[in-house]
Amino acid sequence: MSGWTIIFVFITFGLILNIVLAGFVVFFERRNPASTWAWLLVLFFMPLFGFLIYMVVGRNSKREKMFQEKEKYDRETYISYLLKNKTSYEKIQAQSDVIENGGRLIGADYLTDLAYLHLNSGNWITFNNEVEYFNEGQDKFEALVRDIRAAKEYIHMEYYIWRGDKLGRRLVEELTKKAEEGVEVRLLYDGIGNRTLPKNFFDRLHRAGGYTAAFLPRLIVRLNYRDHRKLCVIDGKVGYIGGFNVGEEYLGIVKRYGHWRDMHLSIQGDAVDQLQIRFVMDWNFTAQKGAVPLRPKYFPERVQKDGVRMQIVSSGPDTQWKNVRNGYFKMINEAEKSIYVTTPYFVPDDAILEGLKVAALSGIDTRIIIPGNPDHPFVYWASVSYLGELLQAGVRCYQYKNGFTHSKMILIDSLMASVGTANMDIRSFDLNFEVNAFIYDAKLTKQLEESYFADLQDCEEITMEWYRSRRGGFKIKEALARLLSPML
């Protein structure tokens, strides 16, 4: 065969492969139309390169058998937990009765507009929590180290990113000391988020008796389906959840990002059990050693007292419904006075976008903060395109200029809040494993509002004048990013 014949055959094969793959995307993956068209554009205009991109980030998680198995396993684990914990089961039954008979929380003066999460996500509302929040990495990690040092029985950690830098080494050293004392130590980390860690990074912890496991390492060439959760449970007494990963950038000492602003919670109360069962389900599905049994020591009895009302809600490829996204959706649609959002990545789906527009057009004070110093420029361009659309509806939009903001927070009517790991973007809604705390407490929500308005002092407002003055090159990047945003 001549060289030209080989090239012709190669090109023909590539085009046929793209047609087959395009048909697969359209007819079998059940994507939303915007995502389908975005992928078709990539496949047809970048034939072979588009195929490689699709194999890395494109396949639909609902087609992955392993996630169907995980959903089944999680459900069985959760039911087993309830059967072993009669007190928790009775709480669920009592609260279900309250929700079904009028929809109001006992003693609360506002509707349980997120009863959806109670009825569909499997996590009940807890009433007796004490909560402390952290905006700064130094404060969060010093508190975490103190709690690690106080551990007597076990430490369970789950993080998307665990750097091999000074902070990462310090925490491993603290965990190793506890393992040497006989404390159970388990650390679950994401296979992609930690792909650069040295292979021997946890060796000393392992020798001391600690366990580690990488979440979905067999999908190392795939960027989707990452364990984006960040949580910790110590002795069943204290739990952590929020946006901070483990790395020096989260301390605000990495020059590239500068000052790092985030939101993380420390919790004491029944909500810690929900963090615990989340960790147990993820760990036991992933790890080859050190399975966590559903024993009473992992779910200790607590004094019941009035405190912060909250529930821990998970979502991801292993859940039937988009629980966190749907929680955001209900919060936005049921707001009456104010909606305040901070997210590092703002790539909403059509329903969330329309909900924010309608809220602003209805006179609700609607504000959104994104980073002005983005870590992913392509996502930033897409975010600005959506903000430009919201500006026309009266949403006030800001970009944080004092470093980088990584907070994932939404505040509603000075009554409700959500803080956790889920960004307000399609990747968090559809592709990543996420966990958020949904909070029903006016006092704590107002404290979080104070933090929000403090951040506004370090923001530049994106006005219509600012938006219209964008340069031609920025507009082109923005248009391209918006076109491909359903793939992000």
Protein backbone atom coordinates (compact mmCIF):
# COMPACT_ATOMS: atom_id res chain seq x y z
CA MET A 1 0.00 0.00 0.00
CA SER A 2 1.23 3.48 -0.80
CA GLY A 3 1.67 6.11 1.87
CA TRP A 4 -1.35 8.06 0.59
CA THR A 5 -3.51 4.92 0.75
CA ILE A 6 -2.52 4.32 4.36
CA ILE A 7 -3.35 7.93 5.25
CA PHE A 8 -6.70 7.63 3.46
CA VAL A 9 -7.56 4.41 5.33
CA PHE A 10 -6.50 5.97 8.63
CA ILE A 11 -8.65 9.07 8.07
CA THR A 12 -11.61 6.99 6.92
CA PHE A 13 -11.35 4.75 9.99
CA GLY A 14 -11.18 7.82 12.23
CA LEU A 15 -14.28 9.35 10.65
CA ILE A 16 -16.24 6.10 10.96
CA LEU A 17 -15.16 5.81 14.60
CA ASN A 18 -16.35 9.34 15.26
CA ILE A 19 -19.72 8.67 13.64
CA VAL A 20 -20.19 5.56 15.79
CA LEU A 21 -19.15 7.41 18.91
CA ALA A 22 -21.43 10.35 18.06
CA GLY A 23 -24.32 7.93 17.68
CA PHE A 24 -23.47 6.45 21.06
CA VAL A 25 -23.52 9.89 22.68
CA VAL A 26 -26.86 10.81 21.09
CA PHE A 27 -28.80 7.58 21.45
CA PHE A 28 -27.44 5.78 24.49
CA GLU A 29 -25.98 8.16 27.05
CA ARG A 30 -29.18 10.14 27.75
CA ARG A 31 -27.32 13.38 28.23
CA ASN A 32 -29.12 16.69 28.33
CA PRO A 33 -29.33 18.32 24.88
CA ALA A 34 -26.75 21.03 25.65
CA SER A 35 -24.15 18.45 26.67
CA THR A 36 -24.98 16.30 23.63
CA TRP A 37 -24.46 19.16 21.19
CA ALA A 38 -21.23 20.20 22.87
CA TRP A 39 -19.80 16.71 22.51
CA LEU A 40 -20.97 16.41 18.91
CA LEU A 41 -19.13 19.63 18.07
CA VAL A 42 -15.92 18.29 19.61
CA LEU A 43 -16.25 14.89 17.92
CA PHE A 44 -16.95 16.24 14.43
CA PHE A 45 -14.53 19.17 14.39
CA MET A 46 -11.65 17.38 16.15
CA PRO A 47 -12.14 13.80 14.92
CA LEU A 48 -9.35 11.81 16.59
CA PHE A 49 -8.40 14.28 19.30
CA GLY A 50 -12.09 14.58 20.20
CA PHE A 51 -12.28 10.82 20.65
CA LEU A 52 -9.38 10.93 23.13
CA ILE A 53 -10.99 13.79 25.06
CA TYR A 54 -14.23 11.84 25.22
CA MET A 55 -12.48 8.75 26.64
CA VAL A 56 -10.87 10.87 29.37
CA VAL A 57 -13.76 13.10 30.48
CA GLY A 58 -16.83 12.24 28.46
CA ARG A 59 -18.41 8.93 29.35
CA ASN A 60 -21.63 9.02 31.33
CA SER A 61 -21.30 7.82 34.90
CA LYS A 62 -24.74 6.22 34.87
CA ARG A 63 -23.35 3.69 32.42
CA GLU A 64 -20.65 2.63 34.87
CA LYS A 65 -21.60 -0.67 36.45
CA MET A 66 -19.34 -0.09 39.44
CA PHE A 67 -21.41 2.91 40.53
CA GLN A 68 -24.61 0.91 40.34
CA GLU A 69 -22.92 -1.64 42.57
CA LYS A 70 -21.78 1.10 44.95
CA GLU A 71 -25.29 2.55 45.14
CA LYS A 72 -26.62 -0.89 46.05
CA TYR A 73 -23.85 -1.43 48.61
CA ASP A 74 -24.44 2.01 50.17
CA ARG A 75 -28.15 1.34 50.47
CA GLU A 76 -27.56 -2.03 52.13
CA THR A 77 -24.99 -0.52 54.50
CA TYR A 78 -27.31 2.33 55.42
CA ILE A 79 -30.22 -0.04 56.13
CA SER A 80 -27.94 -2.25 58.23
CA TYR A 81 -26.88 0.80 60.21
CA LEU A 82 -30.49 1.76 60.91
CA LEU A 83 -31.37 -1.75 62.01
CA LYS A 84 -28.46 -1.70 64.45
CA ASN A 85 -29.24 1.78 65.70
CA LYS A 86 -32.81 1.81 66.98
CA THR A 87 -32.52 5.35 68.29
CA SER A 88 -31.66 6.73 64.86
CA TYR A 89 -34.48 4.75 63.26
CA GLU A 90 -37.00 6.17 65.75
CA LYS A 91 -35.73 9.70 65.01
CA ILE A 92 -36.29 9.18 61.30
CA GLN A 93 -39.82 7.86 61.86
CA ALA A 94 -40.73 10.76 64.15
CA GLN A 95 -39.35 13.38 61.77
CA SER A 96 -41.06 11.76 58.79
CA ASP A 97 -44.35 12.12 60.62
CA VAL A 98 -43.63 15.80 61.27
CA ILE A 99 -42.77 16.44 57.62
CA GLU A 100 -45.80 14.58 56.29
CA ASN A 101 -48.16 16.38 58.69
CA GLY A 102 -47.66 19.98 57.68
CA GLY A 103 -43.97 20.19 56.81
CA ARG A 104 -42.71 22.18 59.79
CA LEU A 105 -39.78 21.38 62.02
CA ILE A 106 -40.67 21.11 65.69
CA GLY A 107 -40.16 24.51 67.28
CA ALA A 108 -39.06 26.17 64.05
CA ASP A 109 -40.69 29.20 62.51
CA TYR A 110 -39.94 28.35 58.90
CA LEU A 111 -40.90 25.60 56.49
CA THR A 112 -38.66 22.59 55.96
CA ASP A 113 -38.29 23.47 52.34
CA LEU A 114 -35.55 20.87 52.19
CA ALA A 115 -37.74 18.05 53.43
CA TYR A 116 -36.92 16.68 50.00
CA LEU A 117 -33.44 15.87 51.29
CA HIS A 118 -34.83 14.08 54.32
CA LEU A 119 -37.22 11.97 52.28
CA ASN A 120 -34.99 11.21 49.29
CA SER A 121 -31.34 11.32 50.33
CA GLY A 122 -31.70 9.05 53.35
CA ASN A 123 -30.26 11.56 55.82
CA TRP A 124 -32.49 12.78 58.59
CA ILE A 125 -32.47 16.21 60.19
CA THR A 126 -30.47 16.37 63.42
CA PHE A 127 -31.27 18.83 66.19
CA ASN A 128 -28.44 18.88 68.72
CA ASN A 129 -25.35 20.10 66.90
CA GLU A 130 -22.68 22.57 67.92
CA VAL A 131 -20.92 24.12 64.94
CA GLU A 132 -17.77 26.17 64.52
CA TYR A 133 -16.77 27.55 61.13
CA PHE A 134 -13.37 28.37 59.65
CA ASN A 135 -12.49 30.78 56.83
CA GLU A 136 -8.72 30.51 57.20
CA GLY A 137 -6.63 27.40 56.68
CA GLN A 138 -4.33 28.09 59.62
CA ASP A 139 -7.27 28.11 62.03
CA LYS A 140 -8.88 25.01 60.54
CA PHE A 141 -5.76 22.87 60.54
CA GLU A 142 -4.66 23.93 64.02
CA ALA A 143 -8.10 22.88 65.32
CA LEU A 144 -7.85 19.62 63.37
CA VAL A 145 -4.40 18.85 64.81
CA ARG A 146 -5.69 19.47 68.35
CA ASP A 147 -8.55 17.04 67.77
CA ILE A 148 -6.20 14.45 66.23
CA ARG A 149 -3.94 14.65 69.27
CA ALA A 150 -6.96 14.15 71.56
CA ALA A 151 -8.16 11.05 69.68
CA LYS A 152 -8.51 7.91 71.82
CA GLU A 153 -10.09 5.31 69.52
CA TYR A 154 -10.12 6.20 65.80
CA ILE A 155 -9.55 8.84 63.15
CA HIS A 156 -11.35 8.64 59.79
CA MET A 157 -10.33 11.04 57.02
CA GLU A 158 -11.47 11.45 53.41
CA TYR A 159 -9.84 14.11 51.20
CA TYR A 160 -9.81 14.87 47.50
CA ILE A 161 -6.28 16.33 47.63
CA TRP A 162 -3.49 15.49 50.06
CA ARG A 163 -0.24 17.22 49.10
CA GLY A 164 3.19 15.87 49.89
CA ASP A 165 4.27 19.30 51.16
CA LYS A 166 5.03 20.50 54.68
CA LEU A 167 1.37 20.51 55.77
CA GLY A 168 0.69 17.09 54.30
CA ARG A 169 3.78 15.66 56.00
CA ARG A 170 2.84 17.28 59.31
CA LEU A 171 -0.61 15.70 59.34
CA VAL A 172 0.78 12.29 58.36
CA GLU A 173 3.26 12.62 61.23
CA GLU A 174 0.42 13.38 63.66
CA LEU A 175 -1.59 10.43 62.33
CA THR A 176 1.42 8.13 62.59
CA LYS A 177 1.92 9.04 66.25
CA LYS A 178 -1.71 8.18 66.99
CA ALA A 179 -1.44 4.89 65.11
CA GLU A 180 1.63 4.03 67.20
CA GLU A 181 -0.49 4.68 70.30
CA GLY A 182 -3.02 2.11 69.09
CA VAL A 183 -5.59 4.53 67.64
CA GLU A 184 -7.29 3.28 64.47
CA VAL A 185 -6.30 5.54 61.58
CA ARG A 186 -7.91 5.35 58.14
CA LEU A 187 -7.24 7.82 55.32
CA LEU A 188 -9.13 7.71 52.02
CA TYR A 189 -7.81 9.89 49.19
CA ASP A 190 -8.71 10.36 45.54
CA GLY A 191 -6.73 8.50 42.89
CA ILE A 192 -6.47 11.49 40.52
CA GLY A 193 -6.26 14.29 43.08
CA ASN A 194 -3.17 12.64 44.59
CA ARG A 195 -1.54 11.11 41.54
CA THR A 196 1.74 12.98 42.18
CA LEU A 197 2.21 11.73 45.75
CA PRO A 198 5.37 9.64 46.18
CA LYS A 199 4.57 5.93 46.41
CA ASN A 200 6.26 5.68 49.79
CA PHE A 201 4.58 8.77 51.25
CA PHE A 202 2.41 6.82 53.71
CA ASP A 203 4.90 4.02 54.45
CA ARG A 204 5.61 5.07 58.01
CA LEU A 205 1.90 5.39 58.74
CA HIS A 206 1.37 1.89 57.34
CA ARG A 207 4.17 0.47 59.49
CA ALA A 208 2.55 2.06 62.54
CA GLY A 209 -0.70 0.21 61.76
CA GLY A 210 -2.59 2.93 59.89
CA TYR A 211 -4.55 2.26 56.72
CA THR A 212 -4.81 4.28 53.51
CA ALA A 213 -6.76 3.68 50.31
CA ALA A 214 -6.97 5.41 46.91
CA PHE A 215 -10.48 6.03 45.59
CA LEU A 216 -10.93 4.62 42.06
CA PRO A 217 -7.24 4.36 41.12
CA ARG A 218 -8.22 2.02 38.28
CA LEU A 219 -9.75 5.05 36.54
CA ILE A 220 -6.46 6.93 36.60
CA VAL A 221 -6.83 8.02 32.95
CA ARG A 222 -10.32 9.34 33.63
CA LEU A 223 -10.90 12.82 35.01
CA ASN A 224 -14.53 12.20 35.91
CA TYR A 225 -16.00 10.47 38.95
CA ARG A 226 -13.57 11.89 41.47
CA ASP A 227 -14.03 11.68 45.24
CA HIS A 228 -14.32 15.40 45.85
CA ARG A 229 -15.46 14.90 49.47
CA LYS A 230 -13.48 16.42 52.33
CA LEU A 231 -14.47 15.10 55.72
CA CYS A 232 -13.04 13.83 58.98
CA VAL A 233 -14.53 12.02 61.99
CA ILE A 234 -12.63 11.59 65.27
CA ASP A 235 -13.93 9.20 67.95
CA GLY A 236 -17.49 9.87 66.80
CA LYS A 237 -17.29 13.10 68.82
CA VAL A 238 -16.22 15.68 66.26
CA GLY A 239 -16.57 15.87 62.50
CA TYR A 240 -15.20 18.20 59.84
CA ILE A 241 -16.70 19.06 56.45
CA GLY A 242 -16.06 21.82 53.92
CA GLY A 243 -13.79 23.12 51.21
CA PHE A 244 -10.24 22.79 52.60
CA ASN A 245 -8.06 20.05 51.15
CA VAL A 246 -4.64 19.26 52.64
CA GLY A 247 -1.93 21.39 51.07
CA GLU A 248 0.05 24.57 51.65
CA GLU A 249 -2.01 26.55 49.16
CA TYR A 250 -4.93 26.14 51.59
CA LEU A 251 -2.85 27.95 54.19
CA GLY A 252 -2.55 30.95 51.84
CA ILE A 253 1.25 30.69 51.57
CA VAL A 254 1.55 29.65 47.92
CA LYS A 255 2.39 32.69 45.79
CA ARG A 256 0.29 31.56 42.81
CA TYR A 257 -2.95 31.96 44.80
CA GLY A 258 -2.00 34.30 47.63
CA HIS A 259 -4.48 34.58 50.48
CA TRP A 260 -6.82 31.58 50.47
CA ARG A 261 -10.42 32.09 51.57
CA ASP A 262 -12.58 29.03 52.19
CA MET A 263 -15.37 27.66 54.40
CA HIS A 264 -15.13 24.59 56.63
CA LEU A 265 -17.23 23.40 59.56
CA SER A 266 -16.36 21.59 62.78
CA ILE A 267 -19.40 19.73 64.14
CA GLN A 268 -20.30 18.04 67.41
CA GLY A 269 -23.66 16.28 67.62
CA ASP A 270 -25.76 13.71 65.79
CA ALA A 271 -24.71 15.04 62.37
CA VAL A 272 -21.31 13.46 63.05
CA ASP A 273 -23.00 10.04 62.67
CA GLN A 274 -24.01 11.03 59.15
CA LEU A 275 -20.41 11.95 58.32
CA GLN A 276 -19.36 8.63 59.82
CA ILE A 277 -21.74 6.49 57.76
CA ARG A 278 -20.66 8.41 54.64
CA PHE A 279 -17.04 7.55 55.36
CA VAL A 280 -17.85 3.93 56.17
CA MET A 281 -19.68 3.46 52.86
CA ASP A 282 -16.86 5.03 50.83
CA TRP A 283 -14.06 3.32 52.73
CA ASN A 284 -15.51 -0.20 52.74
CA PHE A 285 -16.28 0.01 49.02
CA THR A 286 -12.74 1.16 48.20
CA ALA A 287 -10.30 -0.34 50.70
CA GLN A 288 -8.83 -3.84 50.60
CA LYS A 289 -7.91 -3.79 54.30
CA GLY A 290 -9.25 -2.34 57.53
CA ALA A 291 -13.00 -2.51 56.84
CA VAL A 292 -15.12 -0.52 59.31
CA PRO A 293 -17.83 -2.64 60.98
CA LEU A 294 -21.10 -1.05 62.09
CA ARG A 295 -20.28 -1.21 65.79
CA PRO A 296 -21.62 1.07 68.55
CA LYS A 297 -18.21 2.65 69.18
CA TYR A 298 -18.38 4.30 65.77
CA PHE A 299 -21.83 5.77 66.57
CA PRO A 300 -21.76 6.77 70.26
CA GLU A 301 -24.84 7.88 72.18
CA ARG A 302 -25.04 11.62 72.84
CA VAL A 303 -26.89 13.98 75.12
CA GLN A 304 -29.96 15.32 73.33
CA LYS A 305 -30.22 19.08 73.62
CA ASP A 306 -31.31 22.01 71.52
CA GLY A 307 -28.68 23.03 69.01
CA VAL A 308 -28.11 23.66 65.34
CA ARG A 309 -30.49 21.77 63.05
CA MET A 310 -28.69 20.24 60.12
CA GLN A 311 -28.32 17.22 57.88
CA ILE A 312 -25.38 15.82 55.92
CA VAL A 313 -26.31 15.17 52.30
CA SER A 314 -24.30 13.24 49.72
CA SER A 315 -24.57 13.04 45.95
CA GLY A 316 -22.62 11.59 43.08
CA PRO A 317 -22.61 8.86 40.46
CA ASP A 318 -23.51 6.45 43.27
CA THR A 319 -26.83 8.17 44.13
CA GLN A 320 -30.08 7.94 42.19
CA TRP A 321 -30.87 11.64 42.55
CA LYS A 322 -28.73 14.78 42.37
CA ASN A 323 -29.33 15.46 46.05
CA VAL A 324 -26.99 18.42 46.61
CA ARG A 325 -27.93 20.06 43.32
CA ASN A 326 -31.62 19.54 44.04
CA GLY A 327 -31.10 20.98 47.51
CA TYR A 328 -29.60 24.12 45.95
CA PHE A 329 -32.51 24.24 43.50
CA LYS A 330 -35.15 24.14 46.24
CA MET A 331 -33.32 26.71 48.35
CA ILE A 332 -33.19 29.14 45.42
CA ASN A 333 -36.80 28.61 44.41
CA GLU A 334 -38.18 29.01 47.93
CA ALA A 335 -36.16 32.09 48.89
CA GLU A 336 -38.23 35.15 49.80
CA LYS A 337 -35.70 37.82 50.78
CA SER A 338 -32.09 36.96 49.93
CA ILE A 339 -29.82 34.49 48.14
CA TYR A 340 -26.07 34.78 48.72
CA VAL A 341 -23.75 32.40 46.86
CA THR A 342 -20.00 31.88 46.91
CA THR A 343 -18.52 29.33 44.51
CA PRO A 344 -15.08 29.03 42.89
CA TYR A 345 -16.64 27.54 39.74
CA PHE A 346 -19.97 28.81 38.44
CA VAL A 347 -21.22 26.70 35.54
CA PRO A 348 -24.89 26.13 36.43
CA ASP A 349 -27.39 24.00 34.60
CA ASP A 350 -30.43 25.65 32.99
CA ALA A 351 -32.73 25.15 36.00
CA ILE A 352 -30.34 26.73 38.52
CA LEU A 353 -29.62 29.60 36.12
CA GLU A 354 -33.31 30.30 35.56
CA GLY A 355 -34.03 30.03 39.27
CA LEU A 356 -31.48 32.74 40.05
CA LYS A 357 -32.87 34.95 37.30
CA VAL A 358 -36.45 34.60 38.51
CA ALA A 359 -35.38 35.29 42.09
CA ALA A 360 -33.68 38.55 41.11
CA LEU A 361 -36.55 39.58 38.86
CA SER A 362 -38.88 38.99 41.82
CA GLY A 363 -36.99 41.53 43.92
CA ILE A 364 -35.00 39.03 45.97
CA ASP A 365 -31.52 40.28 46.89
CA THR A 366 -29.41 37.83 44.86
CA ARG A 367 -25.61 37.94 44.94
CA ILE A 368 -22.82 35.70 43.67
CA ILE A 369 -19.08 35.77 44.45
CA ILE A 370 -16.54 33.99 42.23
CA PRO A 371 -12.72 34.23 42.28
CA GLY A 372 -11.10 37.14 40.47
CA ASN A 373 -7.83 35.20 40.45
CA PRO A 374 -9.05 31.91 38.93
CA ASP A 375 -7.11 28.66 39.08
CA HIS A 376 -8.84 27.42 35.90
CA PRO A 377 -9.11 30.28 33.34
CA PHE A 378 -11.37 28.32 30.97
CA VAL A 379 -13.92 27.81 33.75
CA TYR A 380 -13.60 31.48 34.70
CA TRP A 381 -14.48 32.56 31.16
CA ALA A 382 -17.52 30.29 31.21
CA SER A 383 -18.52 31.63 34.64
CA VAL A 384 -18.36 35.23 33.44
CA SER A 385 -20.61 34.39 30.49
CA TYR A 386 -23.30 33.13 32.90
CA LEU A 387 -22.84 36.11 35.19
CA GLY A 388 -23.34 38.44 32.23
CA GLU A 389 -26.72 36.83 31.68
CA LEU A 390 -27.62 37.14 35.37
CA LEU A 391 -26.62 40.81 35.47
CA GLN A 392 -29.41 41.60 33.05
CA ALA A 393 -31.91 40.07 35.49
CA GLY A 394 -30.60 42.15 38.40
CA VAL A 395 -28.28 39.67 40.12
CA ARG A 396 -25.33 41.41 41.76
CA CYS A 397 -22.08 39.69 40.81
CA TYR A 398 -18.63 40.01 42.36
CA GLN A 399 -15.12 38.68 41.90
CA TYR A 400 -12.93 38.16 44.95
CA LYS A 401 -9.63 40.05 44.60
CA ASN A 402 -7.80 39.40 47.88
CA GLY A 403 -6.24 36.13 46.72
CA PHE A 404 -8.48 33.15 45.93
CA THR A 405 -11.88 32.10 47.27
CA HIS A 406 -12.65 28.39 47.36
CA SER A 407 -15.81 28.54 49.52
CA LYS A 408 -18.85 26.53 48.47
CA MET A 409 -21.70 28.22 50.29
CA ILE A 410 -25.28 29.34 49.73
CA LEU A 411 -27.28 31.39 52.26
CA ILE A 412 -31.05 31.88 52.10
CA ASP A 413 -33.22 34.47 53.89
CA SER A 414 -30.90 34.60 56.95
CA LEU A 415 -32.47 31.25 57.92
CA MET A 416 -30.85 28.44 55.92
CA ALA A 417 -27.42 27.64 54.57
CA SER A 418 -25.44 24.96 52.80
CA VAL A 419 -21.69 24.51 53.24
CA GLY A 420 -19.69 21.64 51.82
CA THR A 421 -17.68 20.35 48.91
CA ALA A 422 -20.04 20.88 45.97
CA ASN A 423 -19.40 23.77 43.61
CA MET A 424 -22.27 25.32 41.72
CA ASP A 425 -21.24 23.66 38.49
CA ILE A 426 -22.22 20.75 36.30
CA ARG A 427 -19.20 18.67 37.34
CA SER A 428 -20.22 18.76 41.01
CA PHE A 429 -23.87 18.20 40.09
CA ASP A 430 -23.32 15.20 37.80
CA LEU A 431 -19.84 13.71 37.91
CA ASN A 432 -18.12 14.04 41.28
CA PHE A 433 -18.79 12.48 44.67
CA GLU A 434 -19.81 15.35 46.95
CA VAL A 435 -21.08 15.95 50.49
CA ASN A 436 -22.68 19.08 51.99
CA ALA A 437 -24.06 20.19 55.31
CA PHE A 438 -27.54 21.72 54.99
CA ILE A 439 -28.18 23.99 57.95
CA TYR A 440 -31.53 25.20 59.32
CA ASP A 441 -30.48 27.69 61.99
CA ALA A 442 -30.99 31.45 61.89
CA LYS A 443 -28.19 32.29 64.35
CA LEU A 444 -25.50 30.33 62.51
CA THR A 445 -26.76 31.48 59.10
CA LYS A 446 -26.49 35.10 60.20
CA GLN A 447 -22.91 34.48 61.35
CA LEU A 448 -22.12 33.02 57.94
CA GLU A 449 -23.74 36.10 56.37
CA GLU A 450 -21.40 38.32 58.34
CA SER A 451 -18.50 36.35 56.87
CA TYR A 452 -20.04 36.71 53.41
CA PHE A 453 -20.34 40.49 53.67
CA ALA A 454 -16.79 40.70 55.00
CA ASP A 455 -15.70 38.94 51.81
CA LEU A 456 -17.64 41.48 49.74
CA GLN A 457 -15.27 44.14 51.07
CA ASP A 458 -12.48 42.35 49.21
CA CYS A 459 -14.44 42.02 45.98
CA GLU A 460 -14.75 43.98 42.77
CA GLU A 461 -18.35 44.20 41.62
CA ILE A 462 -18.98 43.03 38.08
CA THR A 463 -21.30 45.70 36.77
CA MET A 464 -22.95 45.92 33.36
CA GLU A 465 -20.44 48.64 32.53
CA TRP A 466 -17.57 46.26 33.42
CA TYR A 467 -19.15 43.47 31.43
CA ARG A 468 -19.74 45.57 28.32
CA SER A 469 -16.14 46.83 28.36
CA ARG A 470 -14.68 43.33 27.88
CA ARG A 471 -12.02 43.18 25.19
CA GLY A 472 -12.51 41.27 21.96
CA GLY A 473 -10.11 38.48 22.92
CA PHE A 474 -11.91 37.93 26.23
CA LYS A 475 -15.27 37.79 24.45
CA ILE A 476 -13.99 35.09 22.08
CA LYS A 477 -12.65 33.01 24.97
CA GLU A 478 -15.89 33.52 26.85
CA ALA A 479 -18.01 32.45 23.88
CA LEU A 480 -15.92 29.31 23.34
CA ALA A 481 -15.98 28.41 27.04
CA ARG A 482 -19.74 28.93 27.21
CA LEU A 483 -20.29 26.71 24.17
CA LEU A 484 -18.28 23.89 25.73
CA SER A 485 -19.37 24.50 29.33
CA PRO A 486 -21.81 21.54 29.40
CA MET A 487 -18.71 19.34 29.09
CA LEU A 488 -16.83 20.96 32.00
